[in-house]
Amino acid sequence: MAESIAFVDNEFVPITEAKISIMEPTFTKSDVVYDTISSYRGYIFRLDDHLERFESSFRAMQLNPPYSLDEIRHIVAEMVIRSDFDNTCITLMATRGPFIDLANRDIRKCKNGLMAVCVPYYWVLGEDKQTTGVNMVITDNQRVPLEAIDAKVKNFNWMDLTRALLEAYDKGGDSAMLCTPDGYLSEGPGFNVWLAKNGKLYTPLGNLLEGVTRRSVFELAKEIGADPVEKPLTPEDLRTADEAFTSTTAGGITPVTQVDGKTLGNGAPGILTTRLMEEYWSRREEGWHGTRAEEILQDRDVA
């Protein structure tokens, strides 16, 4: 029977059995970086791109997980096979790990680790929003300045994102769009944003995580002649867009049909948005940028 799987302390265990010490900086200081990968119809999507970004994040935080990237590839594949889910989200976490001596709190002396979880595929904005669209609230709560926390290092320091999300809920929205301290659009809790204006496609440039799905949208948009551009964008750019959508691993492409409670475009998923959504999922089903978990494990067996 399919079940969610965790990898912790060098073992694959049911997710309900995965534990860490409450004394770990992973928990007490949110001292951990992560990356979330998805599989669809048996294909793990853009695995090498995700591992490259994961490595960049843990190097930036001077973490040294006790596994090579190739070993991590095999851990991901093993989890997909063991879970037996058709579609999954797999989150990798490079952790600071426990203090070897609780009396010595020098974080350089922690035992770095790797944890991972594999669960059924989920939609960060809700699967129903694929058809109805999202009411996006541009919040007063701002993104943490780049000088404090670099958003390109994928991390669990989510206080700014969480406060913005709670603000959006209080205002009747589905999710939040944060701005940088200088007033430009950044990103939302777990997703990038795109907008279309006069037939051209734009996405913010600045302090944000450069999503792997965002990279995929760039590819698709160029192929269909949408001329995607990365540039600084203002809240007014989003409010006056012809159409808009989000991009993220956990949900792919999701339309935005309202901004701050006001109808965007004609209030339905836009033509460009819909075309990109259809292209994205049909190609993924065909194995676009995909790797079969079985093939990864077969390569290990041959080696």
C-alpha atoms as a PDB file:
ATOM      1  CA  MET A   1       0.000   0.000   0.000  1.00  0.00           C
ATOM      2  CA  ALA A   2       1.302   3.466  -0.898  1.00  0.00           C
ATOM      3  CA  GLU A   3       2.601   5.496   2.033  1.00  0.00           C
ATOM      4  CA  SER A   4       4.620   8.620   2.718  1.00  0.00           C
ATOM      5  CA  ILE A   5       8.308   7.864   3.268  1.00  0.00           C
ATOM      6  CA  ALA A   6      11.079   9.650   5.171  1.00  0.00           C
ATOM      7  CA  PHE A   7      14.837   9.296   5.019  1.00  0.00           C
ATOM      8  CA  VAL A   8      16.537  10.093   8.321  1.00  0.00           C
ATOM      9  CA  ASP A   9      19.604   8.712  10.093  1.00  0.00           C
ATOM     10  CA  ASN A  10      20.500   6.747   6.954  1.00  0.00           C
ATOM     11  CA  GLU A  11      17.220   4.818   7.008  1.00  0.00           C
ATOM     12  CA  PHE A  12      13.989   4.828   5.013  1.00  0.00           C
ATOM     13  CA  VAL A  13      11.069   4.846   7.452  1.00  0.00           C
ATOM     14  CA  PRO A  14       7.333   5.623   7.366  1.00  0.00           C
ATOM     15  CA  ILE A  15       6.960   9.373   7.748  1.00  0.00           C
ATOM     16  CA  THR A  16       5.144   8.919  11.069  1.00  0.00           C
ATOM     17  CA  GLU A  17       8.304   7.378  12.525  1.00  0.00           C
ATOM     18  CA  ALA A  18      10.729  10.134  11.434  1.00  0.00           C
ATOM     19  CA  LYS A  19      12.098  12.138  14.384  1.00  0.00           C
ATOM     20  CA  ILE A  20      14.765  14.687  15.266  1.00  0.00           C
ATOM     21  CA  SER A  21      15.920  16.010  18.627  1.00  0.00           C
ATOM     22  CA  ILE A  22      14.203  19.161  19.882  1.00  0.00           C
ATOM     23  CA  MET A  23      17.707  20.411  20.697  1.00  0.00           C
ATOM     24  CA  GLU A  24      18.831  20.441  17.068  1.00  0.00           C
ATOM     25  CA  PRO A  25      19.534  23.861  15.466  1.00  0.00           C
ATOM     26  CA  THR A  26      17.476  22.460  12.578  1.00  0.00           C
ATOM     27  CA  PHE A  27      14.483  22.998  14.851  1.00  0.00           C
ATOM     28  CA  THR A  28      15.583  25.640  17.363  1.00  0.00           C
ATOM     29  CA  LYS A  29      17.221  27.995  14.848  1.00  0.00           C
ATOM     30  CA  SER A  30      15.584  26.943  11.555  1.00  0.00           C
ATOM     31  CA  ASP A  31      19.159  26.183  10.528  1.00  0.00           C
ATOM     32  CA  VAL A  32      18.380  24.106   7.457  1.00  0.00           C
ATOM     33  CA  VAL A  33      18.156  24.555   3.691  1.00  0.00           C
ATOM     34  CA  TYR A  34      15.911  22.552   1.430  1.00  0.00           C
ATOM     35  CA  ASP A  35      14.635  21.852  -2.046  1.00  0.00           C
ATOM     36  CA  THR A  36      11.378  20.316  -3.223  1.00  0.00           C
ATOM     37  CA  ILE A  37      11.276  18.048  -6.247  1.00  0.00           C
ATOM     38  CA  SER A  38       8.234  16.475  -7.895  1.00  0.00           C
ATOM     39  CA  SER A  39       7.520  13.325  -9.831  1.00  0.00           C
ATOM     40  CA  TYR A  40       4.611  12.927 -12.238  1.00  0.00           C
ATOM     41  CA  ARG A  41       3.513   9.727 -13.933  1.00  0.00           C
ATOM     42  CA  GLY A  42       6.751   8.135 -12.750  1.00  0.00           C
ATOM     43  CA  TYR A  43       9.071  10.861 -14.099  1.00  0.00           C
ATOM     44  CA  ILE A  44      11.146  12.866 -11.601  1.00  0.00           C
ATOM     45  CA  PHE A  45      11.127  16.415 -12.962  1.00  0.00           C
ATOM     46  CA  ARG A  46      14.366  18.323 -13.566  1.00  0.00           C
ATOM     47  CA  LEU A  47      16.186  16.335 -10.905  1.00  0.00           C
ATOM     48  CA  ASP A  48      19.673  17.595 -11.774  1.00  0.00           C
ATOM     49  CA  ASP A  49      18.478  21.224 -11.772  1.00  0.00           C
ATOM     50  CA  HIS A  50      17.001  20.771  -8.313  1.00  0.00           C
ATOM     51  CA  LEU A  51      20.129  19.052  -6.999  1.00  0.00           C
ATOM     52  CA  GLU A  52      22.291  21.842  -8.410  1.00  0.00           C
ATOM     53  CA  ARG A  53      20.185  24.448  -6.592  1.00  0.00           C
ATOM     54  CA  PHE A  54      20.162  22.331  -3.423  1.00  0.00           C
ATOM     55  CA  GLU A  55      23.950  22.142  -3.477  1.00  0.00           C
ATOM     56  CA  SER A  56      24.206  25.902  -4.025  1.00  0.00           C
ATOM     57  CA  SER A  57      21.991  26.467  -0.978  1.00  0.00           C
ATOM     58  CA  PHE A  58      23.854  24.179   1.395  1.00  0.00           C
ATOM     59  CA  ARG A  59      27.237  25.477   0.252  1.00  0.00           C
ATOM     60  CA  ALA A  60      26.069  29.036   0.916  1.00  0.00           C
ATOM     61  CA  MET A  61      25.242  28.024   4.505  1.00  0.00           C
ATOM     62  CA  GLN A  62      28.504  26.070   4.947  1.00  0.00           C
ATOM     63  CA  LEU A  63      26.669  22.781   5.342  1.00  0.00           C
ATOM     64  CA  ASN A  64      28.209  19.501   4.296  1.00  0.00           C
ATOM     65  CA  PRO A  65      25.652  16.674   4.063  1.00  0.00           C
ATOM     66  CA  PRO A  66      27.217  13.216   4.444  1.00  0.00           C
ATOM     67  CA  TYR A  67      26.154  12.120   0.940  1.00  0.00           C
ATOM     68  CA  SER A  68      27.350  12.982  -2.547  1.00  0.00           C
ATOM     69  CA  LEU A  69      24.917  14.441  -5.071  1.00  0.00           C
ATOM     70  CA  ASP A  70      24.876  11.113  -6.868  1.00  0.00           C
ATOM     71  CA  GLU A  71      23.975   9.345  -3.628  1.00  0.00           C
ATOM     72  CA  ILE A  72      21.214  11.891  -3.046  1.00  0.00           C
ATOM     73  CA  ARG A  73      19.886  11.161  -6.558  1.00  0.00           C
ATOM     74  CA  HIS A  74      19.559   7.526  -5.582  1.00  0.00           C
ATOM     75  CA  ILE A  75      17.887   8.397  -2.271  1.00  0.00           C
ATOM     76  CA  VAL A  76      15.271  10.428  -4.168  1.00  0.00           C
ATOM     77  CA  ALA A  77      14.663   7.600  -6.631  1.00  0.00           C
ATOM     78  CA  GLU A  78      14.425   5.027  -3.841  1.00  0.00           C
ATOM     79  CA  MET A  79      11.836   7.134  -2.034  1.00  0.00           C
ATOM     80  CA  VAL A  80       9.683   7.465  -5.153  1.00  0.00           C
ATOM     81  CA  ILE A  81       9.764   3.695  -5.669  1.00  0.00           C
ATOM     82  CA  ARG A  82       9.139   2.853  -2.010  1.00  0.00           C
ATOM     83  CA  SER A  83       6.231   5.295  -1.667  1.00  0.00           C
ATOM     84  CA  ASP A  84       4.409   3.754  -4.651  1.00  0.00           C
ATOM     85  CA  PHE A  85       2.541   7.017  -5.314  1.00  0.00           C
ATOM     86  CA  ASP A  86       1.768   7.953  -8.934  1.00  0.00           C
ATOM     87  CA  ASN A  87       2.737  11.588  -8.321  1.00  0.00           C
ATOM     88  CA  THR A  88       4.917  12.879  -5.492  1.00  0.00           C
ATOM     89  CA  CYS A  89       6.633  15.822  -3.869  1.00  0.00           C
ATOM     90  CA  ILE A  90      10.051  15.024  -2.388  1.00  0.00           C
ATOM     91  CA  THR A  91      11.663  17.527  -0.029  1.00  0.00           C
ATOM     92  CA  LEU A  92      15.405  17.318   0.631  1.00  0.00           C
ATOM     93  CA  MET A  93      16.793  19.022   3.744  1.00  0.00           C
ATOM     94  CA  ALA A  94      20.446  19.701   4.522  1.00  0.00           C
ATOM     95  CA  THR A  95      20.570  20.170   8.279  1.00  0.00           C
ATOM     96  CA  ARG A  96      23.029  21.715  10.700  1.00  0.00           C
ATOM     97  CA  GLY A  97      22.421  18.599  12.756  1.00  0.00           C
ATOM     98  CA  PRO A  98      22.835  17.888  16.462  1.00  0.00           C
ATOM     99  CA  PHE A  99      25.510  19.323  18.716  1.00  0.00           C
ATOM    100  CA  ILE A 100      28.063  16.628  19.411  1.00  0.00           C
ATOM    101  CA  ASP A 101      28.486  18.132  22.887  1.00  0.00           C
ATOM    102  CA  LEU A 102      25.471  20.018  24.269  1.00  0.00           C
ATOM    103  CA  ALA A 103      27.808  22.040  26.454  1.00  0.00           C
ATOM    104  CA  ASN A 104      29.612  23.357  23.359  1.00  0.00           C
ATOM    105  CA  ARG A 105      27.241  25.435  21.181  1.00  0.00           C
ATOM    106  CA  ASP A 106      29.722  26.195  18.407  1.00  0.00           C
ATOM    107  CA  ILE A 107      27.590  25.463  15.316  1.00  0.00           C
ATOM    108  CA  ARG A 108      30.725  24.651  13.336  1.00  0.00           C
ATOM    109  CA  LYS A 109      30.990  21.508  15.461  1.00  0.00           C
ATOM    110  CA  CYS A 110      27.513  20.214  14.692  1.00  0.00           C
ATOM    111  CA  LYS A 111      27.141  16.952  12.822  1.00  0.00           C
ATOM    112  CA  ASN A 112      25.575  17.995   9.501  1.00  0.00           C
ATOM    113  CA  GLY A 113      22.916  15.708   8.104  1.00  0.00           C
ATOM    114  CA  LEU A 114      20.479  14.985   5.324  1.00  0.00           C
ATOM    115  CA  MET A 115      16.779  14.320   5.736  1.00  0.00           C
ATOM    116  CA  ALA A 116      14.101  13.836   3.110  1.00  0.00           C
ATOM    117  CA  VAL A 117      10.375  13.205   2.868  1.00  0.00           C
ATOM    118  CA  CYS A 118       8.285  11.851  -0.006  1.00  0.00           C
ATOM    119  CA  VAL A 119       4.534  12.534   0.079  1.00  0.00           C
ATOM    120  CA  PRO A 120       1.671  12.487  -2.426  1.00  0.00           C
ATOM    121  CA  TYR A 121       1.794  15.408  -4.864  1.00  0.00           C
ATOM    122  CA  TYR A 122       0.149  18.519  -3.417  1.00  0.00           C
ATOM    123  CA  TRP A 123      -0.934  21.925  -4.734  1.00  0.00           C
ATOM    124  CA  VAL A 124       0.426  24.809  -2.680  1.00  0.00           C
ATOM    125  CA  LEU A 125      -2.469  27.058  -3.793  1.00  0.00           C
ATOM    126  CA  GLY A 126      -5.110  24.319  -3.957  1.00  0.00           C
ATOM    127  CA  GLU A 127      -5.945  22.120  -6.931  1.00  0.00           C
ATOM    128  CA  ASP A 128      -9.320  23.859  -7.376  1.00  0.00           C
ATOM    129  CA  LYS A 129      -7.503  27.139  -8.118  1.00  0.00           C
ATOM    130  CA  GLN A 130      -6.238  25.608 -11.369  1.00  0.00           C
ATOM    131  CA  THR A 131      -9.679  26.349 -12.812  1.00  0.00           C
ATOM    132  CA  THR A 132     -11.094  29.135 -10.638  1.00  0.00           C
ATOM    133  CA  GLY A 133      -7.906  31.135 -10.219  1.00  0.00           C
ATOM    134  CA  VAL A 134      -6.332  32.810  -7.188  1.00  0.00           C
ATOM    135  CA  ASN A 135      -7.273  36.033  -5.394  1.00  0.00           C
ATOM    136  CA  MET A 136      -3.780  37.434  -4.805  1.00  0.00           C
ATOM    137  CA  VAL A 137      -3.273  40.067  -2.110  1.00  0.00           C
ATOM    138  CA  ILE A 138      -0.285  42.401  -2.440  1.00  0.00           C
ATOM    139  CA  THR A 139       0.656  42.701   1.214  1.00  0.00           C
ATOM    140  CA  ASP A 140       2.039  45.443   3.421  1.00  0.00           C
ATOM    141  CA  ASN A 141       4.306  42.823   4.977  1.00  0.00           C
ATOM    142  CA  GLN A 142       7.528  42.946   2.956  1.00  0.00           C
ATOM    143  CA  ARG A 143      10.150  40.439   1.875  1.00  0.00           C
ATOM    144  CA  VAL A 144      13.193  40.305   4.153  1.00  0.00           C
ATOM    145  CA  PRO A 145      15.970  42.481   2.633  1.00  0.00           C
ATOM    146  CA  LEU A 146      18.549  40.700   0.506  1.00  0.00           C
ATOM    147  CA  GLU A 147      21.261  41.950   2.843  1.00  0.00           C
ATOM    148  CA  ALA A 148      19.654  39.970   5.693  1.00  0.00           C
ATOM    149  CA  ILE A 149      18.476  36.748   4.032  1.00  0.00           C
ATOM    150  CA  ASP A 150      19.292  35.838   0.444  1.00  0.00           C
ATOM    151  CA  ALA A 151      16.095  34.386  -1.050  1.00  0.00           C
ATOM    152  CA  LYS A 152      18.174  32.491  -3.622  1.00  0.00           C
ATOM    153  CA  VAL A 153      19.277  30.227  -0.747  1.00  0.00           C
ATOM    154  CA  LYS A 154      16.142  28.111  -0.303  1.00  0.00           C
ATOM    155  CA  ASN A 155      15.538  28.153   3.430  1.00  0.00           C
ATOM    156  CA  PHE A 156      12.952  27.701   6.174  1.00  0.00           C
ATOM    157  CA  ASN A 157      13.213  31.286   7.461  1.00  0.00           C
ATOM    158  CA  TRP A 158       9.602  31.977   6.538  1.00  0.00           C
ATOM    159  CA  MET A 159       8.496  34.623   9.054  1.00  0.00           C
ATOM    160  CA  ASP A 160       8.069  37.297   6.377  1.00  0.00           C
ATOM    161  CA  LEU A 161       6.179  34.891   4.111  1.00  0.00           C
ATOM    162  CA  THR A 162       4.009  33.567   6.938  1.00  0.00           C
ATOM    163  CA  ARG A 163       3.047  37.034   8.179  1.00  0.00           C
ATOM    164  CA  ALA A 164       2.178  38.067   4.636  1.00  0.00           C
ATOM    165  CA  LEU A 165       0.064  34.936   4.158  1.00  0.00           C
ATOM    166  CA  LEU A 166      -1.851  35.639   7.375  1.00  0.00           C
ATOM    167  CA  GLU A 167      -2.392  39.240   6.212  1.00  0.00           C
ATOM    168  CA  ALA A 168      -3.740  37.975   2.885  1.00  0.00           C
ATOM    169  CA  TYR A 169      -6.169  35.621   4.662  1.00  0.00           C
ATOM    170  CA  ASP A 170      -7.342  38.473   6.904  1.00  0.00           C
ATOM    171  CA  LYS A 171      -8.089  40.511   3.772  1.00  0.00           C
ATOM    172  CA  GLY A 172     -10.101  37.709   2.172  1.00  0.00           C
ATOM    173  CA  GLY A 173      -7.396  36.567  -0.243  1.00  0.00           C
ATOM    174  CA  ASP A 174      -6.151  33.121  -1.184  1.00  0.00           C
ATOM    175  CA  SER A 175      -2.460  33.934  -0.958  1.00  0.00           C
ATOM    176  CA  ALA A 176       0.085  36.722  -0.704  1.00  0.00           C
ATOM    177  CA  MET A 177       2.416  38.593  -3.019  1.00  0.00           C
ATOM    178  CA  LEU A 178       5.248  40.313  -1.186  1.00  0.00           C
ATOM    179  CA  CYS A 179       7.270  43.319  -2.274  1.00  0.00           C
ATOM    180  CA  THR A 180      10.868  44.173  -1.550  1.00  0.00           C
ATOM    181  CA  PRO A 181      11.580  47.072   0.849  1.00  0.00           C
ATOM    182  CA  ASP A 182      12.047  49.368  -2.175  1.00  0.00           C
ATOM    183  CA  GLY A 183       8.537  48.567  -3.403  1.00  0.00           C
ATOM    184  CA  TYR A 184       9.038  46.071  -6.236  1.00  0.00           C
ATOM    185  CA  LEU A 185       7.255  42.753  -6.597  1.00  0.00           C
ATOM    186  CA  SER A 186       9.175  39.805  -5.194  1.00  0.00           C
ATOM    187  CA  GLU A 187       7.415  36.438  -4.705  1.00  0.00           C
ATOM    188  CA  GLY A 188       4.772  34.647  -2.676  1.00  0.00           C
ATOM    189  CA  PRO A 189       4.922  31.900  -0.047  1.00  0.00           C
ATOM    190  CA  GLY A 190       6.305  29.102  -2.196  1.00  0.00           C
ATOM    191  CA  PHE A 191       5.810  30.488  -5.706  1.00  0.00           C
ATOM    192  CA  ASN A 192       6.981  32.970  -8.339  1.00  0.00           C
ATOM    193  CA  VAL A 193       4.585  35.262 -10.194  1.00  0.00           C
ATOM    194  CA  TRP A 194       4.160  36.129 -13.874  1.00  0.00           C
ATOM    195  CA  LEU A 195       2.036  38.708 -15.661  1.00  0.00           C
ATOM    196  CA  ALA A 196       1.064  39.298 -19.263  1.00  0.00           C
ATOM    197  CA  LYS A 197       0.566  42.732 -20.796  1.00  0.00           C
ATOM    198  CA  ASN A 198      -0.084  43.490 -24.460  1.00  0.00           C
ATOM    199  CA  GLY A 199       0.968  40.008 -25.503  1.00  0.00           C
ATOM    200  CA  LYS A 200       4.276  40.036 -23.595  1.00  0.00           C
ATOM    201  CA  LEU A 201       5.153  38.022 -20.510  1.00  0.00           C
ATOM    202  CA  TYR A 202       6.991  39.437 -17.482  1.00  0.00           C
ATOM    203  CA  THR A 203       8.311  38.105 -14.178  1.00  0.00           C
ATOM    204  CA  PRO A 204       9.975  40.034 -11.316  1.00  0.00           C
ATOM    205  CA  LEU A 205      13.716  40.521 -11.040  1.00  0.00           C
ATOM    206  CA  GLY A 206      15.132  40.969  -7.546  1.00  0.00           C
ATOM    207  CA  ASN A 207      15.271  39.327  -4.145  1.00  0.00           C
ATOM    208  CA  LEU A 208      13.441  36.088  -4.900  1.00  0.00           C
ATOM    209  CA  LEU A 209      14.026  32.399  -5.332  1.00  0.00           C
ATOM    210  CA  GLU A 210      14.638  31.634  -8.994  1.00  0.00           C
ATOM    211  CA  GLY A 211      12.280  28.689  -9.189  1.00  0.00           C
ATOM    212  CA  VAL A 212      12.934  25.592 -11.269  1.00  0.00           C
ATOM    213  CA  THR A 213       9.335  25.771 -12.526  1.00  0.00           C
ATOM    214  CA  ARG A 214       9.989  29.446 -13.308  1.00  0.00           C
ATOM    215  CA  ARG A 215      12.872  28.253 -15.494  1.00  0.00           C
ATOM    216  CA  SER A 216      10.478  25.855 -17.212  1.00  0.00           C
ATOM    217  CA  VAL A 217       8.027  28.686 -17.932  1.00  0.00           C
ATOM    218  CA  PHE A 218      10.829  30.666 -19.583  1.00  0.00           C
ATOM    219  CA  GLU A 219      11.470  27.705 -21.895  1.00  0.00           C
ATOM    220  CA  LEU A 220       7.815  27.136 -22.772  1.00  0.00           C
ATOM    221  CA  ALA A 221       7.082  30.830 -23.261  1.00  0.00           C
ATOM    222  CA  LYS A 222       9.988  31.259 -25.677  1.00  0.00           C
ATOM    223  CA  GLU A 223       8.801  28.267 -27.682  1.00  0.00           C
ATOM    224  CA  ILE A 224       5.312  29.687 -28.128  1.00  0.00           C
ATOM    225  CA  GLY A 225       6.567  33.201 -28.899  1.00  0.00           C
ATOM    226  CA  ALA A 226       5.471  34.885 -25.665  1.00  0.00           C
ATOM    227  CA  ASP A 227       8.785  36.769 -25.344  1.00  0.00           C
ATOM    228  CA  PRO A 228       9.341  36.332 -21.552  1.00  0.00           C
ATOM    229  CA  VAL A 229      11.195  39.173 -19.811  1.00  0.00           C
ATOM    230  CA  GLU A 230      12.678  39.352 -16.300  1.00  0.00           C
ATOM    231  CA  LYS A 231      12.558  42.925 -14.965  1.00  0.00           C
ATOM    232  CA  PRO A 232      11.676  44.967 -11.874  1.00  0.00           C
ATOM    233  CA  LEU A 233       7.878  45.130 -11.603  1.00  0.00           C
ATOM    234  CA  THR A 234       5.637  47.266  -9.417  1.00  0.00           C
ATOM    235  CA  PRO A 235       2.370  46.338  -7.678  1.00  0.00           C
ATOM    236  CA  GLU A 236       0.560  48.476 -10.240  1.00  0.00           C
ATOM    237  CA  ASP A 237       2.026  46.350 -13.039  1.00  0.00           C
ATOM    238  CA  LEU A 238       0.285  43.336 -11.516  1.00  0.00           C
ATOM    239  CA  ARG A 239      -2.982  45.157 -10.804  1.00  0.00           C
ATOM    240  CA  THR A 240      -3.240  46.362 -14.416  1.00  0.00           C
ATOM    241  CA  ALA A 241      -2.020  43.175 -16.115  1.00  0.00           C
ATOM    242  CA  ASP A 242      -4.113  41.474 -18.795  1.00  0.00           C
ATOM    243  CA  GLU A 243      -3.575  38.154 -17.030  1.00  0.00           C
ATOM    244  CA  ALA A 244      -1.275  36.640 -14.404  1.00  0.00           C
ATOM    245  CA  PHE A 245      -0.257  33.309 -12.950  1.00  0.00           C
ATOM    246  CA  THR A 246       2.059  31.673 -10.438  1.00  0.00           C
ATOM    247  CA  SER A 247       4.686  28.991 -10.973  1.00  0.00           C
ATOM    248  CA  THR A 248       5.948  26.465  -8.439  1.00  0.00           C
ATOM    249  CA  THR A 249       6.936  22.810  -8.085  1.00  0.00           C
ATOM    250  CA  ALA A 250       3.868  22.056  -5.965  1.00  0.00           C
ATOM    251  CA  GLY A 251       1.181  23.150  -8.393  1.00  0.00           C
ATOM    252  CA  GLY A 252       2.869  23.959 -11.668  1.00  0.00           C
ATOM    253  CA  ILE A 253       1.150  26.971 -13.241  1.00  0.00           C
ATOM    254  CA  THR A 254      -1.862  28.460 -11.441  1.00  0.00           C
ATOM    255  CA  PRO A 255      -3.945  31.369 -12.784  1.00  0.00           C
ATOM    256  CA  VAL A 256      -4.443  34.607 -10.861  1.00  0.00           C
ATOM    257  CA  THR A 257      -7.937  35.970 -11.512  1.00  0.00           C
ATOM    258  CA  GLN A 258      -8.153  38.636  -8.799  1.00  0.00           C
ATOM    259  CA  VAL A 259      -5.670  41.052  -7.239  1.00  0.00           C
ATOM    260  CA  ASP A 260      -6.594  42.596  -3.891  1.00  0.00           C
ATOM    261  CA  GLY A 261     -10.147  41.330  -4.403  1.00  0.00           C
ATOM    262  CA  LYS A 262     -10.584  43.091  -7.750  1.00  0.00           C
ATOM    263  CA  THR A 263     -11.085  41.209 -11.008  1.00  0.00           C
ATOM    264  CA  LEU A 264      -8.022  40.789 -13.185  1.00  0.00           C
ATOM    265  CA  GLY A 265      -8.653  40.759 -16.936  1.00  0.00           C
ATOM    266  CA  ASN A 266     -12.032  39.140 -17.529  1.00  0.00           C
ATOM    267  CA  GLY A 267     -11.934  37.232 -14.242  1.00  0.00           C
ATOM    268  CA  ALA A 268     -11.064  33.870 -15.827  1.00  0.00           C
ATOM    269  CA  PRO A 269      -7.735  32.146 -16.523  1.00  0.00           C
ATOM    270  CA  GLY A 270      -6.147  33.978 -19.449  1.00  0.00           C
ATOM    271  CA  ILE A 271      -5.474  32.577 -22.905  1.00  0.00           C
ATOM    272  CA  LEU A 272      -1.686  32.621 -22.476  1.00  0.00           C
ATOM    273  CA  THR A 273      -1.926  31.195 -18.958  1.00  0.00           C
ATOM    274  CA  THR A 274      -4.152  28.359 -20.131  1.00  0.00           C
ATOM    275  CA  ARG A 275      -1.886  27.510 -23.031  1.00  0.00           C
ATOM    276  CA  LEU A 276       1.181  27.392 -20.793  1.00  0.00           C
ATOM    277  CA  MET A 277      -0.664  25.234 -18.245  1.00  0.00           C
ATOM    278  CA  GLU A 278      -1.691  22.756 -20.903  1.00  0.00           C
ATOM    279  CA  GLU A 279       1.795  22.635 -22.417  1.00  0.00           C
ATOM    280  CA  TYR A 280       3.419  22.185 -19.023  1.00  0.00           C
ATOM    281  CA  TRP A 281       1.326  19.213 -17.907  1.00  0.00           C
ATOM    282  CA  SER A 282       1.095  17.472 -21.268  1.00  0.00           C
ATOM    283  CA  ARG A 283       4.855  17.615 -21.666  1.00  0.00           C
ATOM    284  CA  ARG A 284       5.468  16.413 -18.149  1.00  0.00           C
ATOM    285  CA  GLU A 285       3.235  13.433 -18.808  1.00  0.00           C
ATOM    286  CA  GLU A 286       5.407  12.639 -21.830  1.00  0.00           C
ATOM    287  CA  GLY A 287       8.570  12.777 -19.706  1.00  0.00           C
ATOM    288  CA  TRP A 288       9.809  16.286 -20.547  1.00  0.00           C
ATOM    289  CA  HIS A 289      12.920  16.958 -18.419  1.00  0.00           C
ATOM    290  CA  GLY A 290      12.016  13.757 -16.607  1.00  0.00           C
ATOM    291  CA  THR A 291      14.039  10.868 -15.226  1.00  0.00           C
ATOM    292  CA  ARG A 292      12.552   7.491 -14.344  1.00  0.00           C
ATOM    293  CA  ALA A 293      13.321   6.435 -10.779  1.00  0.00           C
ATOM    294  CA  GLU A 294      13.833   2.856 -11.964  1.00  0.00           C
ATOM    295  CA  GLU A 295      16.537   3.953 -14.400  1.00  0.00           C
ATOM    296  CA  ILE A 296      18.477   5.728 -11.640  1.00  0.00           C
ATOM    297  CA  LEU A 297      18.422   2.637  -9.468  1.00  0.00           C
ATOM    298  CA  GLN A 298      19.346   0.384 -12.403  1.00  0.00           C
ATOM    299  CA  ASP A 299      22.411   2.531 -13.061  1.00  0.00           C
ATOM    300  CA  ARG A 300      23.466   2.020  -9.450  1.00  0.00           C
ATOM    301  CA  ASP A 301      23.016  -1.739  -9.701  1.00  0.00           C
ATOM    302  CA  VAL A 302      25.105  -1.873 -12.900  1.00  0.00           C
ATOM    303  CA  ALA A 303      27.866   0.216 -11.318  1.00  0.00           C
END
